[in-house]
Amino acid sequence: MTVANAQTFIKRGLIDSELRARLNRASDSGEIQKILEEENMGFTPGEFDEAFHHALTDCQTTDAANQTKEFKGWWDLLFQTF
């Protein structure tokens, strides 16, 4: 598990609706981790936070920053349901 995996997840998750749909259908956080591992994107919550802050500083427009923040909001909400 690495920050690089979390960065890959954020980049891919922003454009891959199929991946987001699979994660939305997961029945628990263990299944979410399993999906991420299957996609070679395992990471810890701390690694995700670090990757998120890095992605946010890389944004060159307000729209890109807002999209990244919305993605994090979706991710946080996904885990709040469990």
C-alpha atoms as a PDB file:
ATOM      1  CA  MET A   1       0.000   0.000   0.000  1.00  0.00           C
ATOM      2  CA  THR A   2       1.375   3.369  -0.975  1.00  0.00           C
ATOM      3  CA  VAL A   3       0.572   7.011  -1.487  1.00  0.00           C
ATOM      4  CA  ALA A   4       1.236   6.397  -5.191  1.00  0.00           C
ATOM      5  CA  ASN A   5      -1.615   3.866  -5.224  1.00  0.00           C
ATOM      6  CA  ALA A   6      -3.910   6.435  -3.648  1.00  0.00           C
ATOM      7  CA  GLN A   7      -2.821   9.026  -6.211  1.00  0.00           C
ATOM      8  CA  THR A   8      -3.579   6.563  -8.994  1.00  0.00           C
ATOM      9  CA  PHE A   9      -6.971   5.882  -7.442  1.00  0.00           C
ATOM     10  CA  ILE A  10      -7.852   9.573  -7.290  1.00  0.00           C
ATOM     11  CA  LYS A  11      -6.788  10.190 -10.887  1.00  0.00           C
ATOM     12  CA  ARG A  12      -8.628   7.133 -12.151  1.00  0.00           C
ATOM     13  CA  GLY A  13     -11.635   7.594  -9.884  1.00  0.00           C
ATOM     14  CA  LEU A  14     -12.222  11.077 -11.226  1.00  0.00           C
ATOM     15  CA  ILE A  15     -12.800   9.701 -14.734  1.00  0.00           C
ATOM     16  CA  ASP A  16     -13.758   6.016 -14.271  1.00  0.00           C
ATOM     17  CA  SER A  17     -17.480   5.808 -13.542  1.00  0.00           C
ATOM     18  CA  GLU A  18     -17.350   1.991 -13.717  1.00  0.00           C
ATOM     19  CA  LEU A  19     -14.866   1.862 -10.837  1.00  0.00           C
ATOM     20  CA  ARG A  20     -16.959   4.277  -8.770  1.00  0.00           C
ATOM     21  CA  ALA A  21     -20.080   2.195  -9.465  1.00  0.00           C
ATOM     22  CA  ARG A  22     -18.319  -0.991  -8.307  1.00  0.00           C
ATOM     23  CA  LEU A  23     -17.234   0.737  -5.118  1.00  0.00           C
ATOM     24  CA  ASN A  24     -20.747   2.114  -4.565  1.00  0.00           C
ATOM     25  CA  ARG A  25     -22.143  -1.433  -4.770  1.00  0.00           C
ATOM     26  CA  ALA A  26     -19.727  -2.767  -2.137  1.00  0.00           C
ATOM     27  CA  SER A  27     -21.451  -4.128   0.938  1.00  0.00           C
ATOM     28  CA  ASP A  28     -18.768  -3.089   3.431  1.00  0.00           C
ATOM     29  CA  SER A  29     -15.364  -1.471   3.777  1.00  0.00           C
ATOM     30  CA  GLY A  30     -13.646  -4.861   3.430  1.00  0.00           C
ATOM     31  CA  GLU A  31     -15.197  -5.307   0.007  1.00  0.00           C
ATOM     32  CA  ILE A  32     -14.040  -1.822  -0.985  1.00  0.00           C
ATOM     33  CA  GLN A  33     -10.481  -2.722  -0.008  1.00  0.00           C
ATOM     34  CA  LYS A  34     -10.772  -5.984  -1.947  1.00  0.00           C
ATOM     35  CA  ILE A  35     -11.857  -4.115  -5.093  1.00  0.00           C
ATOM     36  CA  LEU A  36      -8.968  -1.678  -4.707  1.00  0.00           C
ATOM     37  CA  GLU A  37      -6.495  -4.536  -4.214  1.00  0.00           C
ATOM     38  CA  GLU A  38      -7.851  -6.279  -7.333  1.00  0.00           C
ATOM     39  CA  GLU A  39      -7.127  -3.062  -9.228  1.00  0.00           C
ATOM     40  CA  ASN A  40      -3.623  -2.831  -7.673  1.00  0.00           C
ATOM     41  CA  MET A  41      -4.581   0.340  -5.821  1.00  0.00           C
ATOM     42  CA  GLY A  42      -4.503  -0.592  -2.150  1.00  0.00           C
ATOM     43  CA  PHE A  43      -3.860   2.245   0.309  1.00  0.00           C
ATOM     44  CA  THR A  44      -4.506   3.304   3.882  1.00  0.00           C
ATOM     45  CA  PRO A  45      -6.712   6.225   4.957  1.00  0.00           C
ATOM     46  CA  GLY A  46      -3.594   8.249   5.792  1.00  0.00           C
ATOM     47  CA  GLU A  47      -2.137   7.560   2.362  1.00  0.00           C
ATOM     48  CA  PHE A  48      -5.400   8.683   0.765  1.00  0.00           C
ATOM     49  CA  ASP A  49      -5.329  11.945   2.729  1.00  0.00           C
ATOM     50  CA  GLU A  50      -1.752  12.627   1.656  1.00  0.00           C
ATOM     51  CA  ALA A  51      -2.592  11.855  -1.972  1.00  0.00           C
ATOM     52  CA  PHE A  52      -5.696  14.062  -1.809  1.00  0.00           C
ATOM     53  CA  HIS A  53      -3.734  17.057  -0.543  1.00  0.00           C
ATOM     54  CA  HIS A  54      -1.101  16.487  -3.208  1.00  0.00           C
ATOM     55  CA  ALA A  55      -3.789  16.241  -5.923  1.00  0.00           C
ATOM     56  CA  LEU A  56      -5.396  19.434  -4.656  1.00  0.00           C
ATOM     57  CA  THR A  57      -2.150  21.385  -4.855  1.00  0.00           C
ATOM     58  CA  ASP A  58      -1.629  20.098  -8.418  1.00  0.00           C
ATOM     59  CA  CYS A  59      -4.960  21.549  -9.571  1.00  0.00           C
ATOM     60  CA  GLN A  60      -4.480  24.432 -11.965  1.00  0.00           C
ATOM     61  CA  THR A  61      -8.066  25.641 -12.095  1.00  0.00           C
ATOM     62  CA  THR A  62     -10.826  26.211  -9.597  1.00  0.00           C
ATOM     63  CA  ASP A  63     -12.972  23.677 -11.460  1.00  0.00           C
ATOM     64  CA  ALA A  64     -10.301  20.989 -11.116  1.00  0.00           C
ATOM     65  CA  ALA A  65      -9.938  21.739  -7.409  1.00  0.00           C
ATOM     66  CA  ASN A  66     -13.695  21.586  -6.917  1.00  0.00           C
ATOM     67  CA  GLN A  67     -13.900  18.285  -8.781  1.00  0.00           C
ATOM     68  CA  THR A  68     -11.130  16.854  -6.591  1.00  0.00           C
ATOM     69  CA  LYS A  69     -12.901  18.062  -3.438  1.00  0.00           C
ATOM     70  CA  GLU A  70     -16.170  16.518  -4.640  1.00  0.00           C
ATOM     71  CA  PHE A  71     -14.379  13.230  -5.239  1.00  0.00           C
ATOM     72  CA  LYS A  72     -13.039  13.274  -1.678  1.00  0.00           C
ATOM     73  CA  GLY A  73     -16.528  14.076  -0.415  1.00  0.00           C
ATOM     74  CA  TRP A  74     -17.881  11.029  -2.277  1.00  0.00           C
ATOM     75  CA  TRP A  75     -15.087   8.866  -0.838  1.00  0.00           C
ATOM     76  CA  ASP A  76     -15.736  10.094   2.717  1.00  0.00           C
ATOM     77  CA  LEU A  77     -19.491   9.540   2.316  1.00  0.00           C
ATOM     78  CA  LEU A  78     -18.890   6.021   1.006  1.00  0.00           C
ATOM     79  CA  PHE A  79     -17.098   5.094   4.220  1.00  0.00           C
ATOM     80  CA  GLN A  80     -19.615   6.855   6.476  1.00  0.00           C
ATOM     81  CA  THR A  81     -22.279   4.422   5.318  1.00  0.00           C
ATOM     82  CA  PHE A  82     -20.374   1.575   6.991  1.00  0.00           C
END
